[in-house]
Amino acid sequence: LKSGGESGAGQALISLAGLVPFAPV
């Protein structure tokens, strides 16, 4: 799981949410 990037995917999703307005998130 660590080498496959699953933990990084969750963090990337959170970072992506920070790029868009709050209401749709």
PDB file of all heavy atoms in Angstrom:
ATOM      1  N   LEU A   1       0.822  -1.206   0.000  1.00  0.00           N
ATOM      2  CA  LEU A   1       0.000   0.000   0.000  1.00  0.00           C
ATOM      3  C   LEU A   1       0.856   1.257   0.000  1.00  0.00           C
ATOM      4  O   LEU A   1       0.556   2.231  -0.698  1.00  0.00           O
ATOM      5  CB  LEU A   1      -0.925   0.001   1.220  1.00  0.00           C
ATOM      6  CG  LEU A   1      -2.050  -1.042   1.223  1.00  0.00           C
ATOM      7  CD1 LEU A   1      -2.818  -0.980   2.531  1.00  0.00           C
ATOM      8  CD2 LEU A   1      -2.997  -0.825   0.046  1.00  0.00           C
ATOM      9  N   LYS A   2       1.937   1.243   0.770  1.00  0.00           N
ATOM     10  CA  LYS A   2       2.810   2.416   0.824  1.00  0.00           C
ATOM     11  C   LYS A   2       3.498   2.649  -0.505  1.00  0.00           C
ATOM     12  O   LYS A   2       3.591   3.788  -0.983  1.00  0.00           O
ATOM     13  CB  LYS A   2       3.843   2.241   1.937  1.00  0.00           C
ATOM     14  CG  LYS A   2       3.255   2.264   3.331  1.00  0.00           C
ATOM     15  CD  LYS A   2       4.304   1.897   4.377  1.00  0.00           C
ATOM     16  CE  LYS A   2       3.694   1.789   5.768  1.00  0.00           C
ATOM     17  NZ  LYS A   2       4.696   1.327   6.774  1.00  0.00           N
ATOM     18  N   SER A   3       3.987   1.584  -1.116  1.00  0.00           N
ATOM     19  CA  SER A   3       4.683   1.738  -2.399  1.00  0.00           C
ATOM     20  C   SER A   3       3.722   2.029  -3.530  1.00  0.00           C
ATOM     21  O   SER A   3       4.085   2.646  -4.535  1.00  0.00           O
ATOM     22  CB  SER A   3       5.482   0.463  -2.722  1.00  0.00           C
ATOM     23  OG  SER A   3       4.606  -0.657  -2.840  1.00  0.00           O
ATOM     24  N   GLY A   4       2.445   1.613  -3.365  1.00  0.00           N
ATOM     25  CA  GLY A   4       1.462   1.847  -4.415  1.00  0.00           C
ATOM     26  C   GLY A   4       0.857   3.234  -4.396  1.00  0.00           C
ATOM     27  O   GLY A   4       0.095   3.581  -5.296  1.00  0.00           O
ATOM     28  N   GLY A   5       1.155   4.006  -3.374  1.00  0.00           N
ATOM     29  CA  GLY A   5       0.695   5.391  -3.348  1.00  0.00           C
ATOM     30  C   GLY A   5      -0.711   5.598  -2.832  1.00  0.00           C
ATOM     31  O   GLY A   5      -1.283   6.667  -3.003  1.00  0.00           O
ATOM     32  N   GLU A   6      -1.275   4.590  -2.120  1.00  0.00           N
ATOM     33  CA  GLU A   6      -2.644   4.763  -1.627  1.00  0.00           C
ATOM     34  C   GLU A   6      -2.722   5.876  -0.590  1.00  0.00           C
ATOM     35  O   GLU A   6      -3.657   6.669  -0.590  1.00  0.00           O
ATOM     36  CB  GLU A   6      -3.153   3.447  -1.026  1.00  0.00           C
ATOM     37  CG  GLU A   6      -4.609   3.512  -0.610  1.00  0.00           C
ATOM     38  CD  GLU A   6      -5.178   2.167  -0.220  1.00  0.00           C
ATOM     39  OE1 GLU A   6      -5.301   1.295  -1.093  1.00  0.00           O
ATOM     40  OE2 GLU A   6      -5.520   1.991   0.964  1.00  0.00           O
ATOM     41  N   SER A   7      -1.718   5.947   0.315  1.00  0.00           N
ATOM     42  CA  SER A   7      -1.742   7.011   1.314  1.00  0.00           C
ATOM     43  C   SER A   7      -1.568   8.378   0.661  1.00  0.00           C
ATOM     44  O   SER A   7      -2.170   9.362   1.083  1.00  0.00           O
ATOM     45  CB  SER A   7      -0.645   6.781   2.357  1.00  0.00           C
ATOM     46  OG  SER A   7       0.632   6.816   1.752  1.00  0.00           O
ATOM     47  N   GLY A   8      -0.750   8.448  -0.388  1.00  0.00           N
ATOM     48  CA  GLY A   8      -0.564   9.707  -1.099  1.00  0.00           C
ATOM     49  C   GLY A   8      -1.806  10.154  -1.840  1.00  0.00           C
ATOM     50  O   GLY A   8      -2.041  11.354  -2.014  1.00  0.00           O
ATOM     51  N   ALA A   9      -2.632   9.180  -2.253  1.00  0.00           N
ATOM     52  CA  ALA A   9      -3.852   9.529  -2.984  1.00  0.00           C
ATOM     53  C   ALA A   9      -4.829  10.277  -2.085  1.00  0.00           C
ATOM     54  O   ALA A   9      -5.463  11.245  -2.494  1.00  0.00           O
ATOM     55  CB  ALA A   9      -4.506   8.266  -3.537  1.00  0.00           C
ATOM     56  N   GLY A  10      -4.942   9.827  -0.838  1.00  0.00           N
ATOM     57  CA  GLY A  10      -5.822  10.521   0.085  1.00  0.00           C
ATOM     58  C   GLY A  10      -5.367  11.941   0.335  1.00  0.00           C
ATOM     59  O   GLY A  10      -6.183  12.869   0.380  1.00  0.00           O
ATOM     60  N   GLN A  11      -4.069  12.137   0.502  1.00  0.00           N
ATOM     61  CA  GLN A  11      -3.538  13.475   0.711  1.00  0.00           C
ATOM     62  C   GLN A  11      -3.732  14.337  -0.523  1.00  0.00           C
ATOM     63  O   GLN A  11      -4.034  15.532  -0.425  1.00  0.00           O
ATOM     64  CB  GLN A  11      -2.052  13.400   1.082  1.00  0.00           C
ATOM     65  CG  GLN A  11      -1.383  14.740   1.298  1.00  0.00           C
ATOM     66  CD  GLN A  11      -2.018  15.533   2.424  1.00  0.00           C
ATOM     67  OE1 GLN A  11      -2.643  14.966   3.313  1.00  0.00           O
ATOM     68  NE2 GLN A  11      -1.863  16.852   2.386  1.00  0.00           N
ATOM     69  N   ALA A  12      -3.568  13.736  -1.713  1.00  0.00           N
ATOM     70  CA  ALA A  12      -3.764  14.487  -2.950  1.00  0.00           C
ATOM     71  C   ALA A  12      -5.216  14.952  -3.081  1.00  0.00           C
ATOM     72  O   ALA A  12      -5.480  16.059  -3.555  1.00  0.00           O
ATOM     73  CB  ALA A  12      -3.378  13.620  -4.155  1.00  0.00           C
ATOM     74  N   LEU A  13      -6.154  14.098  -2.645  1.00  0.00           N
ATOM     75  CA  LEU A  13      -7.565  14.490  -2.709  1.00  0.00           C
ATOM     76  C   LEU A  13      -7.843  15.678  -1.799  1.00  0.00           C
ATOM     77  O   LEU A  13      -8.562  16.607  -2.175  1.00  0.00           O
ATOM     78  CB  LEU A  13      -8.441  13.298  -2.304  1.00  0.00           C
ATOM     79  CG  LEU A  13      -9.950  13.535  -2.343  1.00  0.00           C
ATOM     80  CD1 LEU A  13     -10.416  13.820  -3.759  1.00  0.00           C
ATOM     81  CD2 LEU A  13     -10.695  12.329  -1.776  1.00  0.00           C
ATOM     82  N   ILE A  14      -7.257  15.662  -0.600  1.00  0.00           N
ATOM     83  CA  ILE A  14      -7.438  16.780   0.329  1.00  0.00           C
ATOM     84  C   ILE A  14      -6.830  18.056  -0.244  1.00  0.00           C
ATOM     85  O   ILE A  14      -7.403  19.138  -0.168  1.00  0.00           O
ATOM     86  CB  ILE A  14      -6.816  16.433   1.694  1.00  0.00           C
ATOM     87  CG1 ILE A  14      -7.567  15.260   2.322  1.00  0.00           C
ATOM     88  CG2 ILE A  14      -6.847  17.643   2.627  1.00  0.00           C
ATOM     89  CD1 ILE A  14      -6.890  14.679   3.532  1.00  0.00           C
ATOM     90  N   SER A  15      -5.640  17.932  -0.850  1.00  0.00           N
ATOM     91  CA  SER A  15      -4.996  19.091  -1.459  1.00  0.00           C
ATOM     92  C   SER A  15      -5.830  19.634  -2.609  1.00  0.00           C
ATOM     93  O   SER A  15      -5.955  20.844  -2.791  1.00  0.00           O
ATOM     94  CB  SER A  15      -3.597  18.717  -1.949  1.00  0.00           C
ATOM     95  OG  SER A  15      -2.788  18.284  -0.867  1.00  0.00           O
ATOM     96  N   LEU A  16      -6.402  18.723  -3.402  1.00  0.00           N
ATOM     97  CA  LEU A  16      -7.246  19.139  -4.523  1.00  0.00           C
ATOM     98  C   LEU A  16      -8.477  19.884  -4.024  1.00  0.00           C
ATOM     99  O   LEU A  16      -8.907  20.874  -4.622  1.00  0.00           O
ATOM    100  CB  LEU A  16      -7.662  17.914  -5.332  1.00  0.00           C
ATOM    101  CG  LEU A  16      -8.484  18.161  -6.602  1.00  0.00           C
ATOM    102  CD1 LEU A  16      -7.697  18.994  -7.603  1.00  0.00           C
ATOM    103  CD2 LEU A  16      -8.917  16.841  -7.219  1.00  0.00           C
ATOM    104  N   ALA A  17      -9.048  19.415  -2.897  1.00  0.00           N
ATOM    105  CA  ALA A  17     -10.221  20.092  -2.335  1.00  0.00           C
ATOM    106  C   ALA A  17      -9.901  21.521  -1.937  1.00  0.00           C
ATOM    107  O   ALA A  17     -10.761  22.400  -1.971  1.00  0.00           O
ATOM    108  CB  ALA A  17     -10.742  19.304  -1.131  1.00  0.00           C
ATOM    109  N   GLY A  18      -8.642  21.762  -1.551  1.00  0.00           N
ATOM    110  CA  GLY A  18      -8.248  23.109  -1.168  1.00  0.00           C
ATOM    111  C   GLY A  18      -8.125  24.061  -2.330  1.00  0.00           C
ATOM    112  O   GLY A  18      -8.015  25.281  -2.134  1.00  0.00           O
ATOM    113  N   LEU A  19      -8.157  23.546  -3.572  1.00  0.00           N
ATOM    114  CA  LEU A  19      -8.020  24.391  -4.751  1.00  0.00           C
ATOM    115  C   LEU A  19      -9.355  24.939  -5.249  1.00  0.00           C
ATOM    116  O   LEU A  19      -9.375  25.838  -6.078  1.00  0.00           O
ATOM    117  CB  LEU A  19      -7.350  23.609  -5.891  1.00  0.00           C
ATOM    118  CG  LEU A  19      -5.910  23.120  -5.645  1.00  0.00           C
ATOM    119  CD1 LEU A  19      -5.447  22.274  -6.806  1.00  0.00           C
ATOM    120  CD2 LEU A  19      -4.984  24.308  -5.432  1.00  0.00           C
ATOM    121  N   VAL A  20     -10.456  24.360  -4.771  1.00  0.00           N
ATOM    122  CA  VAL A  20     -11.766  24.750  -5.293  1.00  0.00           C
ATOM    123  C   VAL A  20     -12.563  25.443  -4.191  1.00  0.00           C
ATOM    124  O   VAL A  20     -12.243  25.324  -3.008  1.00  0.00           O
ATOM    125  CB  VAL A  20     -12.535  23.510  -5.821  1.00  0.00           C
ATOM    126  CG1 VAL A  20     -11.767  22.864  -6.946  1.00  0.00           C
ATOM    127  CG2 VAL A  20     -12.765  22.506  -4.697  1.00  0.00           C
ATOM    128  N   PRO A  21     -13.619  26.198  -4.540  1.00  0.00           N
ATOM    129  CA  PRO A  21     -14.441  26.872  -3.528  1.00  0.00           C
ATOM    130  C   PRO A  21     -15.024  25.885  -2.517  1.00  0.00           C
ATOM    131  O   PRO A  21     -15.220  24.705  -2.812  1.00  0.00           O
ATOM    132  CB  PRO A  21     -15.538  27.545  -4.359  1.00  0.00           C
ATOM    133  CG  PRO A  21     -14.924  27.733  -5.705  1.00  0.00           C
ATOM    134  CD  PRO A  21     -14.029  26.546  -5.916  1.00  0.00           C
ATOM    135  N   PHE A  22     -15.334  26.385  -1.330  1.00  0.00           N
ATOM    136  CA  PHE A  22     -15.745  25.510  -0.238  1.00  0.00           C
ATOM    137  C   PHE A  22     -17.108  24.872  -0.486  1.00  0.00           C
ATOM    138  O   PHE A  22     -17.320  23.707  -0.125  1.00  0.00           O
ATOM    139  CB  PHE A  22     -15.779  26.304   1.077  1.00  0.00           C
ATOM    140  CG  PHE A  22     -16.241  25.487   2.244  1.00  0.00           C
ATOM    141  CD1 PHE A  22     -15.391  24.583   2.847  1.00  0.00           C
ATOM    142  CD2 PHE A  22     -17.542  25.619   2.737  1.00  0.00           C
ATOM    143  CE1 PHE A  22     -15.812  23.815   3.928  1.00  0.00           C
ATOM    144  CE2 PHE A  22     -17.971  24.860   3.815  1.00  0.00           C
ATOM    145  CZ  PHE A  22     -17.100  23.964   4.412  1.00  0.00           C
ATOM    146  N   ALA A  23     -18.053  25.592  -1.078  1.00  0.00           N
ATOM    147  CA  ALA A  23     -19.432  25.103  -1.188  1.00  0.00           C
ATOM    148  C   ALA A  23     -19.527  23.745  -1.890  1.00  0.00           C
ATOM    149  O   ALA A  23     -20.153  22.820  -1.355  1.00  0.00           O
ATOM    150  CB  ALA A  23     -20.303  26.136  -1.899  1.00  0.00           C
ATOM    151  N   PRO A  24     -18.934  23.547  -3.087  1.00  0.00           N
ATOM    152  CA  PRO A  24     -19.042  22.222  -3.712  1.00  0.00           C
ATOM    153  C   PRO A  24     -18.317  21.139  -2.924  1.00  0.00           C
ATOM    154  O   PRO A  24     -18.733  19.977  -2.932  1.00  0.00           O
ATOM    155  CB  PRO A  24     -18.409  22.428  -5.098  1.00  0.00           C
ATOM    156  CG  PRO A  24     -17.590  23.657  -4.983  1.00  0.00           C
ATOM    157  CD  PRO A  24     -18.277  24.508  -3.990  1.00  0.00           C
ATOM    158  N   VAL A  25     -17.242  21.499  -2.230  1.00  0.00           N
ATOM    159  CA  VAL A  25     -16.546  20.514  -1.399  1.00  0.00           C
ATOM    160  C   VAL A  25     -17.452  20.064  -0.254  1.00  0.00           C
ATOM    161  O   VAL A  25     -17.566  18.868   0.035  1.00  0.00           O
ATOM    162  CB  VAL A  25     -15.229  21.106  -0.852  1.00  0.00           C
ATOM    163  CG1 VAL A  25     -14.585  20.147   0.141  1.00  0.00           C
ATOM    164  CG2 VAL A  25     -14.272  21.405  -1.993  1.00  0.00           C
TER     165      VAL A  25
END
